[in-house]
N, C-alpha and C. Protein backbone atom coordinates (compact mmCIF):
# COMPACT_ATOMS: atom_id res chain seq x y z
N MET A 1 66.40 173.82 103.36
CA MET A 1 65.49 174.43 103.94
C MET A 1 66.10 174.93 105.32
N GLN A 2 65.87 176.52 105.27
CA GLN A 2 66.28 177.29 106.38
C GLN A 2 65.90 178.68 106.69
N GLY A 3 65.05 179.29 107.50
CA GLY A 3 64.64 180.25 107.68
C GLY A 3 63.31 180.56 107.74
N LEU A 4 62.79 182.03 107.43
CA LEU A 4 61.41 182.13 107.77
C LEU A 4 60.40 181.23 107.26
N TYR A 5 59.69 180.64 108.07
CA TYR A 5 58.37 179.79 106.96
C TYR A 5 56.95 180.32 107.58
N LEU A 6 56.63 181.01 106.46
CA LEU A 6 55.23 182.10 106.41
C LEU A 6 54.51 181.70 106.30
N VAL A 7 53.00 181.72 107.20
CA VAL A 7 52.20 180.60 107.23
C VAL A 7 51.28 181.46 107.06
N THR A 8 49.89 181.96 106.24
CA THR A 8 49.04 182.79 106.17
C THR A 8 47.77 182.53 107.44
N PRO A 9 47.41 183.87 107.50
CA PRO A 9 46.04 184.11 108.54
C PRO A 9 44.98 183.18 107.64
N ASN A 10 43.95 183.48 108.54
CA ASN A 10 42.18 182.87 108.20
C ASN A 10 41.64 184.25 107.65
N TRP A 11 42.42 184.90 106.35
CA TRP A 11 41.63 185.83 105.76
C TRP A 11 41.00 185.89 104.90
N ASP A 12 39.42 186.32 105.04
CA ASP A 12 38.06 185.99 103.98
C ASP A 12 38.78 187.17 103.02
N ASP A 13 39.67 188.38 103.10
CA ASP A 13 39.97 189.28 101.96
C ASP A 13 41.23 189.01 101.21
N THR A 14 40.72 189.02 100.16
CA THR A 14 41.94 188.06 99.27
C THR A 14 42.79 189.28 98.94
N ASP A 15 42.26 190.66 98.70
CA ASP A 15 43.05 191.32 97.96
C ASP A 15 44.30 191.82 99.20
N HIS A 16 43.57 191.97 100.05
CA HIS A 16 44.25 192.45 101.34
C HIS A 16 45.45 191.37 101.55
N LEU A 17 45.30 190.15 101.42
CA LEU A 17 46.11 188.81 102.02
C LEU A 17 47.38 189.15 101.09
N LEU A 18 46.66 189.02 99.70
CA LEU A 18 47.60 189.21 98.20
C LEU A 18 48.80 190.72 99.04
N VAL A 19 48.00 191.62 99.33
CA VAL A 19 49.33 192.62 98.92
C VAL A 19 49.93 192.57 100.48
N ILE A 20 50.07 191.52 101.54
CA ILE A 20 50.31 191.94 102.65
C ILE A 20 51.54 190.87 102.00
N THR A 21 51.22 189.55 101.90
CA THR A 21 51.83 188.97 101.29
C THR A 21 53.46 188.91 100.74
N GLU A 22 52.79 189.97 99.26
CA GLU A 22 53.57 190.52 98.45
C GLU A 22 54.40 191.43 98.97
N GLN A 23 54.67 192.16 100.10
CA GLN A 23 55.48 192.93 101.08
C GLN A 23 56.02 191.89 101.77
N ALA A 24 55.89 190.54 102.07
CA ALA A 24 56.58 189.52 102.86
C ALA A 24 57.80 189.09 101.97
N LEU A 25 57.46 188.57 101.33
CA LEU A 25 58.19 188.33 99.88
C LEU A 25 59.04 189.09 99.57
N ALA A 26 58.47 190.41 99.24
CA ALA A 26 59.50 191.30 98.57
C ALA A 26 60.65 191.26 99.78
N ALA A 27 60.64 191.54 100.86
CA ALA A 27 61.44 191.24 101.73
C ALA A 27 62.32 190.43 102.19
N GLY A 28 62.33 189.52 101.52
CA GLY A 28 62.91 187.90 101.19
C GLY A 28 64.17 188.04 101.55
N PRO A 29 64.73 187.14 101.59
CA PRO A 29 63.85 185.53 101.14
C PRO A 29 63.82 185.28 102.20
N ILE A 30 62.37 183.99 101.73
CA ILE A 30 61.13 183.63 102.62
C ILE A 30 61.57 181.96 102.53
N ALA A 31 61.81 181.09 103.22
CA ALA A 31 61.82 179.68 103.13
C ALA A 31 60.74 179.40 102.26
N LEU A 32 60.21 178.82 102.67
CA LEU A 32 58.44 178.69 102.63
C LEU A 32 57.28 179.13 102.80
N LEU A 33 56.39 179.23 102.07
CA LEU A 33 54.70 179.99 102.19
C LEU A 33 53.95 178.92 101.56
N GLN A 34 53.17 178.37 103.46
CA GLN A 34 52.14 178.00 103.58
C GLN A 34 51.29 178.35 103.72
N TYR A 35 50.24 178.15 102.44
CA TYR A 35 48.26 178.38 102.57
C TYR A 35 47.89 177.63 103.82
N ARG A 36 47.13 178.58 104.15
CA ARG A 36 46.60 177.91 105.49
C ARG A 36 45.12 179.04 105.80
N HIS A 37 43.97 178.33 105.05
CA HIS A 37 42.88 178.72 105.68
C HIS A 37 41.86 177.71 106.06
N LYS A 38 41.77 177.79 107.29
CA LYS A 38 41.00 176.82 108.05
C LYS A 38 39.59 176.86 107.52
N GLU A 39 38.82 177.78 107.59
CA GLU A 39 37.64 178.50 107.34
C GLU A 39 37.18 178.69 106.09
N ALA A 40 37.75 178.70 104.96
CA ALA A 40 37.30 178.39 103.91
C ALA A 40 36.77 177.91 102.57
N GLY A 41 35.99 178.12 102.07
CA GLY A 41 35.14 177.15 101.47
C GLY A 41 35.98 176.82 100.53
N PRO A 42 35.85 175.82 99.64
CA PRO A 42 36.38 175.21 98.44
C PRO A 42 36.60 176.45 97.35
N GLN A 43 35.61 177.15 96.70
CA GLN A 43 35.71 178.03 95.51
C GLN A 43 36.82 179.06 96.06
N GLN A 44 36.39 179.44 97.64
CA GLN A 44 37.23 180.90 98.09
C GLN A 44 39.03 180.31 98.36
N ARG A 45 39.06 179.08 98.82
CA ARG A 45 40.57 178.02 99.26
C ARG A 45 41.35 178.33 97.67
N HIS A 46 40.49 177.69 96.63
CA HIS A 46 40.94 177.46 95.46
C HIS A 46 41.74 178.52 94.91
N GLU A 47 40.86 180.11 94.88
CA GLU A 47 40.94 181.38 94.15
C GLU A 47 42.14 181.63 95.50
N GLN A 48 42.02 181.75 96.42
CA GLN A 48 43.48 182.27 97.51
C GLN A 48 44.34 181.36 96.87
N ALA A 49 44.75 180.41 97.01
CA ALA A 49 45.59 179.24 96.71
C ALA A 49 46.47 179.82 95.32
N ALA A 50 45.90 179.95 94.26
CA ALA A 50 46.16 179.93 93.07
C ALA A 50 47.22 180.99 93.08
N ALA A 51 46.27 182.41 93.66
CA ALA A 51 46.94 183.85 93.72
C ALA A 51 48.23 183.80 94.54
N LEU A 52 48.17 183.24 95.58
CA LEU A 52 49.12 183.37 96.16
C LEU A 52 50.75 182.22 95.65
N GLN A 53 49.93 181.26 95.19
CA GLN A 53 51.08 180.89 94.04
C GLN A 53 52.01 181.72 93.08
N THR A 54 51.22 182.07 92.77
CA THR A 54 51.69 183.10 91.47
C THR A 54 52.63 183.97 91.81
N LEU A 55 52.35 184.51 92.98
CA LEU A 55 53.15 185.75 93.95
C LEU A 55 54.42 184.62 94.26
N CYS A 56 54.53 183.84 94.98
CA CYS A 56 55.50 182.55 95.28
C CYS A 56 56.53 182.40 94.19
N ARG A 57 55.66 181.87 92.92
CA ARG A 57 56.56 182.11 92.15
C ARG A 57 57.51 183.42 90.90
N ARG A 58 56.37 184.17 91.10
CA ARG A 58 57.21 185.65 90.89
C ARG A 58 58.22 185.98 91.80
N HIS A 59 58.38 185.58 93.27
CA HIS A 59 59.46 185.47 93.78
C HIS A 59 60.78 184.43 94.45
N ASN A 60 60.11 183.21 93.62
CA ASN A 60 61.47 181.99 93.47
C ASN A 60 61.25 181.22 95.25
N VAL A 61 59.46 181.49 95.84
CA VAL A 61 59.92 180.76 97.16
C VAL A 61 58.68 179.38 97.20
N PRO A 62 58.88 178.84 97.19
CA PRO A 62 58.06 177.40 97.60
C PRO A 62 56.81 177.69 98.07
N PHE A 63 55.63 177.17 97.64
CA PHE A 63 54.74 177.39 98.07
C PHE A 63 53.70 175.84 98.22
N ILE A 64 52.93 176.00 99.36
CA ILE A 64 52.71 174.32 100.36
C ILE A 64 51.58 175.07 100.64
N ILE A 65 50.59 174.12 100.62
CA ILE A 65 49.12 173.85 100.72
C ILE A 65 49.27 172.91 102.29
N ASN A 66 48.25 173.74 103.08
CA ASN A 66 48.08 173.10 104.49
C ASN A 66 46.94 172.45 104.26
N ASP A 67 47.02 170.84 104.25
CA ASP A 67 45.91 169.71 104.40
C ASP A 67 45.15 169.56 103.29
N PHE A 68 44.78 169.96 102.15
CA PHE A 68 44.43 169.61 101.36
C PHE A 68 45.07 169.36 100.14
N VAL A 69 45.31 167.60 99.83
CA VAL A 69 46.43 167.42 98.89
C VAL A 69 45.85 167.17 97.53
N ASP A 70 44.64 167.51 97.40
CA ASP A 70 44.13 167.63 96.15
C ASP A 70 44.52 168.79 95.68
N LEU A 71 43.77 169.57 96.30
CA LEU A 71 44.20 171.27 95.80
C LEU A 71 45.86 171.18 95.21
N CYS A 72 46.37 170.64 96.36
CA CYS A 72 47.70 170.52 96.21
C CYS A 72 47.94 170.29 94.61
N VAL A 73 47.60 168.95 94.40
CA VAL A 73 47.60 168.17 92.98
C VAL A 73 46.80 169.11 91.90
N GLN A 74 45.70 169.73 91.78
CA GLN A 74 45.06 170.55 91.25
C GLN A 74 46.10 171.67 90.84
N LEU A 75 46.76 172.07 91.61
CA LEU A 75 47.75 173.57 91.29
C LEU A 75 48.92 173.02 90.90
N ASP A 76 49.31 171.89 90.97
CA ASP A 76 50.70 171.23 90.91
C ASP A 76 51.51 172.14 91.78
N ALA A 77 51.02 172.46 93.23
CA ALA A 77 51.77 173.31 94.04
C ALA A 77 53.48 172.92 94.71
N ASP A 78 53.85 172.99 95.18
CA ASP A 78 55.32 172.93 95.55
C ASP A 78 55.52 171.51 96.82
N GLY A 79 54.12 171.27 97.83
CA GLY A 79 54.29 170.84 98.28
C GLY A 79 52.94 171.00 99.41
N ILE A 80 52.78 170.18 100.37
CA ILE A 80 51.83 169.82 101.14
C ILE A 80 52.23 169.68 102.59
N HIS A 81 51.42 170.74 103.46
CA HIS A 81 51.76 170.32 105.22
C HIS A 81 50.64 169.80 105.45
N LEU A 82 50.95 168.47 106.41
CA LEU A 82 50.08 167.48 106.80
C LEU A 82 49.77 167.61 108.58
N GLY A 83 48.71 167.95 108.98
CA GLY A 83 48.58 168.12 110.31
C GLY A 83 48.10 166.55 110.97
N GLY A 84 48.10 166.58 112.45
CA GLY A 84 47.85 165.52 112.97
C GLY A 84 46.72 164.48 112.35
N THR A 85 45.95 165.16 111.85
CA THR A 85 44.55 164.24 111.79
C THR A 85 44.45 163.99 110.16
N ASP A 86 45.23 164.41 109.29
CA ASP A 86 45.16 164.45 108.10
C ASP A 86 45.76 163.23 107.63
N ASP A 87 46.24 162.84 106.38
CA ASP A 87 46.41 161.68 105.86
C ASP A 87 47.80 161.42 106.02
N GLU A 88 48.33 159.82 105.96
CA GLU A 88 49.67 159.69 106.29
C GLU A 88 50.54 160.44 105.44
N VAL A 89 51.73 160.76 105.83
CA VAL A 89 52.86 161.07 105.02
C VAL A 89 53.13 159.53 104.02
N ALA A 90 53.25 158.47 104.40
CA ALA A 90 53.53 157.38 103.49
C ALA A 90 52.58 157.55 102.19
N GLU A 91 51.17 157.61 102.39
CA GLU A 91 50.29 157.53 101.65
C GLU A 91 50.41 158.87 101.09
N VAL A 92 50.74 160.00 101.19
CA VAL A 92 50.49 161.24 100.50
C VAL A 92 51.95 161.24 99.51
N ARG A 93 52.92 160.84 100.14
CA ARG A 93 54.29 160.84 99.21
C ARG A 93 53.81 159.78 98.26
N ALA A 94 53.47 158.96 98.13
CA ALA A 94 53.17 157.64 97.23
C ALA A 94 52.31 158.47 96.34
N LYS A 95 51.30 159.30 96.67
CA LYS A 95 50.66 159.92 96.10
C LYS A 95 51.27 161.69 95.43
N LEU A 96 51.85 162.17 95.80
CA LEU A 96 52.35 163.45 94.90
C LEU A 96 53.72 162.88 94.47
N GLY A 97 54.44 161.82 94.62
CA GLY A 97 55.98 161.65 94.01
C GLY A 97 57.13 161.86 94.96
N LYS A 98 58.25 161.67 94.38
CA LYS A 98 59.44 161.87 95.00
C LYS A 98 59.95 163.33 95.29
N ASP A 99 59.74 164.53 94.25
CA ASP A 99 59.96 165.36 94.52
C ASP A 99 59.16 166.98 95.34
N LYS A 100 58.46 166.29 95.23
CA LYS A 100 57.36 167.40 96.05
C LYS A 100 57.50 167.75 97.89
N ILE A 101 57.56 169.06 98.15
CA ILE A 101 57.43 168.83 99.43
C ILE A 101 56.84 168.54 100.75
N ILE A 102 56.99 167.76 101.45
CA ILE A 102 55.73 167.15 102.64
C ILE A 102 56.48 167.73 104.33
N GLY A 103 55.58 168.22 104.21
CA GLY A 103 55.80 168.59 105.74
C GLY A 103 54.74 167.59 106.99
N ALA A 104 55.44 167.34 108.05
CA ALA A 104 54.66 166.92 108.90
C ALA A 104 54.41 167.57 110.73
N SER A 105 53.07 168.20 111.04
CA SER A 105 53.20 168.38 112.28
C SER A 105 53.57 167.06 113.35
N CYS A 106 54.35 167.40 114.35
CA CYS A 106 54.96 166.38 115.18
C CYS A 106 54.34 166.65 116.41
N TYR A 107 53.75 168.20 117.10
CA TYR A 107 53.86 168.64 118.29
C TYR A 107 54.84 168.72 119.62
N GLY A 108 54.82 168.17 119.63
CA GLY A 108 55.95 167.54 121.15
C GLY A 108 56.18 166.28 120.85
N ASP A 109 56.41 165.12 119.78
CA ASP A 109 55.91 164.20 120.01
C ASP A 109 56.94 163.81 118.68
N LEU A 110 58.13 163.28 119.74
CA LEU A 110 59.13 162.78 118.89
C LEU A 110 59.33 161.66 118.19
N PRO A 111 58.33 160.63 118.71
CA PRO A 111 58.13 159.30 117.94
C PRO A 111 57.57 159.92 116.77
N ARG A 112 56.48 160.24 116.53
CA ARG A 112 55.75 160.77 115.09
C ARG A 112 56.69 161.58 114.37
N ALA A 113 57.72 162.32 115.11
CA ALA A 113 58.39 162.99 114.13
C ALA A 113 59.39 161.59 113.16
N LEU A 114 59.76 160.64 114.08
CA LEU A 114 60.74 159.99 113.70
C LEU A 114 59.74 159.19 112.43
N HIS A 115 58.65 158.50 112.95
CA HIS A 115 57.80 158.24 111.99
C HIS A 115 57.49 159.10 110.75
N ALA A 116 57.11 159.98 110.91
CA ALA A 116 56.90 161.40 109.54
C ALA A 116 58.25 161.05 109.10
N GLN A 117 59.33 160.86 109.50
CA GLN A 117 60.82 160.96 108.35
C GLN A 117 61.17 159.52 107.80
N ASP A 118 60.69 158.94 108.08
CA ASP A 118 60.75 157.49 107.96
C ASP A 118 59.35 157.10 106.37
N ALA A 119 58.51 158.12 106.87
CA ALA A 119 57.79 157.93 106.05
C ALA A 119 57.86 158.61 105.00
N GLY A 120 59.21 159.46 104.91
CA GLY A 120 59.41 160.42 103.63
C GLY A 120 58.86 161.65 103.73
N ALA A 121 58.83 162.24 105.08
CA ALA A 121 58.33 163.92 105.12
C ALA A 121 60.16 164.27 105.15
N SER A 122 59.39 166.03 104.31
CA SER A 122 60.72 166.45 103.72
C SER A 122 61.37 167.54 105.21
N TYR A 123 60.38 167.68 106.00
CA TYR A 123 60.63 168.22 107.50
C TYR A 123 59.34 168.00 108.48
N VAL A 124 60.26 168.58 109.47
CA VAL A 124 59.44 167.97 110.68
C VAL A 124 58.47 169.27 111.38
N ALA A 125 57.82 169.52 111.95
CA ALA A 125 57.45 170.53 112.61
C ALA A 125 57.16 170.29 113.82
N PHE A 126 57.82 170.94 115.17
CA PHE A 126 57.52 171.05 116.90
C PHE A 126 56.77 172.33 116.86
N GLY A 127 55.57 171.97 118.01
CA GLY A 127 55.15 173.13 118.57
C GLY A 127 53.64 172.56 118.38
N GLY A 128 53.04 173.71 119.56
CA GLY A 128 53.44 175.28 119.90
C GLY A 128 54.32 175.41 120.94
N PHE A 129 55.03 176.13 120.80
CA PHE A 129 55.99 176.25 121.93
C PHE A 129 55.94 177.59 123.03
N TYR A 130 54.86 178.37 122.54
CA TYR A 130 54.42 179.41 123.20
C TYR A 130 53.12 179.70 122.73
N PRO A 131 52.03 180.36 123.75
CA PRO A 131 50.81 180.70 123.31
C PRO A 131 50.76 181.84 121.73
N SER A 132 49.78 181.27 121.59
CA SER A 132 49.67 181.61 119.75
C SER A 132 48.23 182.20 119.89
N ARG A 133 48.35 183.30 118.88
CA ARG A 133 47.25 184.11 119.05
C ARG A 133 46.25 183.44 118.07
N VAL A 134 46.49 182.37 117.08
CA VAL A 134 46.17 182.05 116.17
C VAL A 134 45.85 180.61 116.51
N LYS A 135 46.61 179.78 117.18
CA LYS A 135 46.49 177.84 116.93
C LYS A 135 46.49 178.14 118.36
N LYS A 136 44.94 176.94 118.84
CA LYS A 136 45.38 176.76 119.99
C LYS A 136 45.85 175.30 120.67
N TYR A 137 47.04 175.25 120.93
CA TYR A 137 47.61 173.64 121.69
C TYR A 137 46.92 173.69 123.18
N ALA A 138 46.65 172.08 123.02
CA ALA A 138 46.49 171.48 124.00
C ALA A 138 47.65 171.40 125.21
N VAL A 139 48.67 171.07 124.77
CA VAL A 139 50.04 171.51 126.01
C VAL A 139 51.04 172.43 125.35
N THR A 140 51.97 172.86 126.13
CA THR A 140 53.44 173.50 125.60
C THR A 140 54.41 172.26 124.90
N THR A 141 54.86 172.56 124.17
CA THR A 141 56.12 172.13 123.80
C THR A 141 57.27 172.35 124.22
N PRO A 142 58.10 171.40 124.79
CA PRO A 142 59.27 171.91 125.42
C PRO A 142 60.55 172.13 124.74
N PRO A 143 61.16 173.23 124.58
CA PRO A 143 62.69 173.36 124.14
C PRO A 143 63.62 172.46 123.57
N ALA A 144 63.49 171.46 124.98
CA ALA A 144 64.58 170.25 125.12
C ALA A 144 64.47 168.80 123.97
N ILE A 145 62.95 169.13 123.56
CA ILE A 145 62.55 168.23 121.92
C ILE A 145 63.79 168.29 121.24
N LEU A 146 64.04 169.94 121.10
CA LEU A 146 65.17 170.20 119.89
C LEU A 146 66.41 169.43 120.01
N ASP A 147 66.92 169.25 121.45
CA ASP A 147 68.17 168.61 121.86
C ASP A 147 67.78 167.38 121.51
N GLN A 148 66.66 166.41 121.55
CA GLN A 148 66.82 165.20 120.85
C GLN A 148 66.75 165.40 119.83
N ALA A 149 65.85 166.18 119.32
CA ALA A 149 65.77 165.94 117.53
C ALA A 149 66.83 165.97 117.26
N ASN A 150 67.99 166.43 117.40
CA ASN A 150 69.01 167.04 116.87
C ASN A 150 69.58 165.52 116.76
N GLU A 151 69.63 164.70 117.82
CA GLU A 151 70.22 163.40 117.42
C GLU A 151 69.90 162.26 116.07
N VAL A 152 68.74 162.39 116.35
CA VAL A 152 68.26 161.54 115.79
C VAL A 152 67.20 162.06 114.71
N ILE A 153 66.85 163.04 114.08
CA ILE A 153 66.16 163.90 112.88
C ILE A 153 66.99 164.38 112.12
N ARG A 154 67.23 164.03 110.88
CA ARG A 154 67.77 164.35 109.65
C ARG A 154 67.23 165.18 108.87
N VAL A 155 66.07 165.59 108.68
CA VAL A 155 65.53 166.51 108.14
C VAL A 155 65.46 167.75 108.72
N PRO A 156 64.88 169.20 108.19
CA PRO A 156 64.89 169.80 108.90
C PRO A 156 63.57 170.54 109.57
N THR A 157 64.02 170.79 111.06
CA THR A 157 62.91 171.02 111.81
C THR A 157 62.37 172.46 111.87
N VAL A 158 60.98 172.54 112.20
CA VAL A 158 59.96 173.80 112.21
C VAL A 158 59.89 173.95 113.51
N VAL A 159 59.77 175.02 114.04
CA VAL A 159 59.17 175.65 115.56
C VAL A 159 58.12 176.79 115.11
N ILE A 160 56.83 175.58 115.58
CA ILE A 160 55.93 176.95 115.73
C ILE A 160 55.37 177.29 117.17
N GLY A 161 54.21 178.56 116.53
CA GLY A 161 53.47 178.77 117.97
C GLY A 161 54.00 180.21 118.67
N GLY A 162 52.80 181.09 118.55
CA GLY A 162 53.38 182.47 118.79
C GLY A 162 54.93 182.60 118.87
N MET A 163 55.74 182.71 117.27
CA MET A 163 57.00 182.91 116.99
C MET A 163 57.21 184.40 116.48
N THR A 164 58.05 184.98 118.01
CA THR A 164 58.63 186.40 117.21
C THR A 164 60.15 186.58 117.41
N PRO A 165 60.67 187.07 116.68
CA PRO A 165 62.29 187.09 116.26
C PRO A 165 62.70 187.06 118.05
N ALA A 166 62.34 187.66 119.09
CA ALA A 166 62.87 187.24 120.36
C ALA A 166 62.45 186.11 120.93
N ASN A 167 61.47 185.49 120.99
CA ASN A 167 61.22 184.13 121.36
C ASN A 167 61.87 182.75 120.72
N ALA A 168 62.20 183.33 119.13
CA ALA A 168 62.83 182.23 118.52
C ALA A 168 63.92 181.96 118.41
N ALA A 169 64.42 183.14 118.95
CA ALA A 169 65.76 182.85 118.89
C ALA A 169 66.79 181.89 119.85
N PRO A 170 66.58 181.15 120.79
CA PRO A 170 66.57 180.21 121.29
C PRO A 170 66.27 178.60 120.79
N LEU A 171 65.06 178.83 120.56
CA LEU A 171 64.97 177.56 119.56
C LEU A 171 66.10 177.15 118.16
N ILE A 172 66.34 178.25 117.57
CA ILE A 172 67.30 178.67 116.54
C ILE A 172 68.57 178.15 116.66
N GLN A 173 68.72 178.22 118.10
CA GLN A 173 70.25 178.16 119.20
C GLN A 173 70.14 176.51 119.60
N ARG A 174 69.34 176.25 119.28
CA ARG A 174 69.26 174.99 119.35
C ARG A 174 68.75 174.06 118.70
N GLY A 175 69.04 174.74 117.48
CA GLY A 175 68.89 173.64 116.18
C GLY A 175 67.96 173.27 115.10
N ALA A 176 66.87 174.41 115.74
CA ALA A 176 65.95 174.87 114.60
C ALA A 176 66.29 175.08 113.47
N HIS A 177 65.49 174.75 112.04
CA HIS A 177 65.81 174.90 110.73
C HIS A 177 65.39 176.30 110.39
N MET A 178 63.75 176.19 110.60
CA MET A 178 62.90 177.22 110.17
C MET A 178 61.99 177.35 111.35
N VAL A 179 61.36 178.67 111.23
CA VAL A 179 60.70 179.35 111.74
C VAL A 179 59.12 179.86 111.76
N ALA A 180 58.11 179.28 111.86
CA ALA A 180 56.61 179.47 111.04
C ALA A 180 56.24 180.48 112.41
N ALA A 181 55.34 181.50 111.32
CA ALA A 181 54.90 182.40 111.85
C ALA A 181 54.01 182.96 110.98
N ILE A 182 53.02 183.63 111.79
CA ILE A 182 51.65 184.35 111.01
C ILE A 182 51.42 185.08 111.49
N SER A 183 51.03 185.65 112.64
CA SER A 183 50.77 186.80 113.18
C SER A 183 52.21 188.12 113.40
N SER A 184 52.95 187.60 113.86
CA SER A 184 54.41 188.16 113.90
C SER A 184 55.04 188.69 112.71
N VAL A 185 54.34 188.50 111.28
CA VAL A 185 54.25 189.23 110.01
C VAL A 185 53.35 189.91 109.58
N TYR A 186 51.99 188.99 109.97
CA TYR A 186 50.74 189.59 108.81
C TYR A 186 50.26 190.48 109.89
N GLN A 187 50.33 190.65 110.79
CA GLN A 187 50.02 191.88 112.24
C GLN A 187 50.77 192.92 112.33
N ALA A 188 51.98 192.57 111.77
CA ALA A 188 52.89 193.79 112.26
C ALA A 188 52.79 194.95 111.40
N GLU A 189 53.14 196.08 112.29
CA GLU A 189 53.22 197.22 111.80
C GLU A 189 54.03 197.80 110.31
N SER A 190 54.83 197.30 110.35
CA SER A 190 55.77 197.13 109.43
C SER A 190 56.37 195.46 108.70
N VAL A 191 55.62 194.74 107.41
CA VAL A 191 55.79 193.76 107.10
C VAL A 191 57.19 192.99 107.05
N ALA A 192 57.74 194.05 106.33
CA ALA A 192 59.24 193.92 105.80
C ALA A 192 60.10 193.99 106.64
N ASN A 193 59.65 194.88 107.94
CA ASN A 193 61.04 195.00 109.23
C ASN A 193 60.80 193.35 110.23
N ALA A 194 59.31 193.03 109.83
CA ALA A 194 59.03 191.95 110.71
C ALA A 194 59.79 190.62 110.12
N VAL A 195 59.76 190.66 108.65
CA VAL A 195 60.44 189.58 107.62
C VAL A 195 62.11 190.00 107.84
N ARG A 196 62.43 190.76 108.13
CA ARG A 196 63.94 191.22 108.25
C ARG A 196 64.82 190.73 109.64
N GLU A 197 63.30 190.92 110.94
CA GLU A 197 64.32 190.38 111.58
C GLU A 197 64.24 189.21 111.78
N PHE A 198 62.98 188.73 111.37
CA PHE A 198 63.31 186.55 111.37
C PHE A 198 64.11 186.13 110.64
N GLN A 199 64.78 186.85 109.29
CA GLN A 199 66.09 186.54 109.00
C GLN A 199 67.22 186.72 109.75
N SER A 200 67.33 187.61 110.40
CA SER A 200 68.51 188.48 110.77
C SER A 200 68.76 186.90 111.82
N LEU A 201 67.87 186.33 112.09
CA LEU A 201 68.37 184.81 113.62
C LEU A 201 68.76 184.51 112.65
N PHE A 202 68.93 184.31 111.38
CA PHE A 202 70.11 183.04 111.06
C PHE A 202 71.35 183.13 110.10
N VAL A 203 71.31 184.31 110.75
CA VAL A 203 72.92 185.16 109.75
C VAL A 203 73.51 184.78 110.53
N LYS A 204 74.86 184.14 110.11
CA LYS A 204 75.83 183.51 111.09
C LYS A 204 76.63 184.82 111.55
N GLN A 205 76.84 184.93 112.67
CA GLN A 205 77.60 186.03 113.45
C GLN A 205 78.89 185.42 113.15
């Protein structure tokens, strides 16, 4: 797993969400797409997730559900992303089996990342590193955590929080495998250009 990790915004307009996501996927490749809508009700959440999964399968992009393990099971999605207050990684791994992707938010907490790794996480996410237009973080995660992670974390690492191609570059140089982005893609003047700018960070010179 390497490259742009696209995360959806809290958009209620499903048609618009699908149009912009289609543009991003078409500009691919995208490493993962995560459906994240904290304010959606169960019916809307299921409708949007199912439609996004169809797009992802058309473009051969793994589709991840944020938080809702039961929805992941219902749709047979490719995986789940767990936040700090969600179910334990080990419990979810036992429920989903060995083949599903399980990601874990670890903020700026290396011991949490080690615990998630040992419990069966497929990747660990650190951040927020920068101010975000979408998510509010209690503290800023120091870039040096990636140096520490390189020593002990064997699974891919994701960086999140206010990511742009410019400010993600030094984190990739420190060893981050994926960059999670929401606004920098979904609110870009050109979605395709935004995706390509992120992709260019992972092209070895």
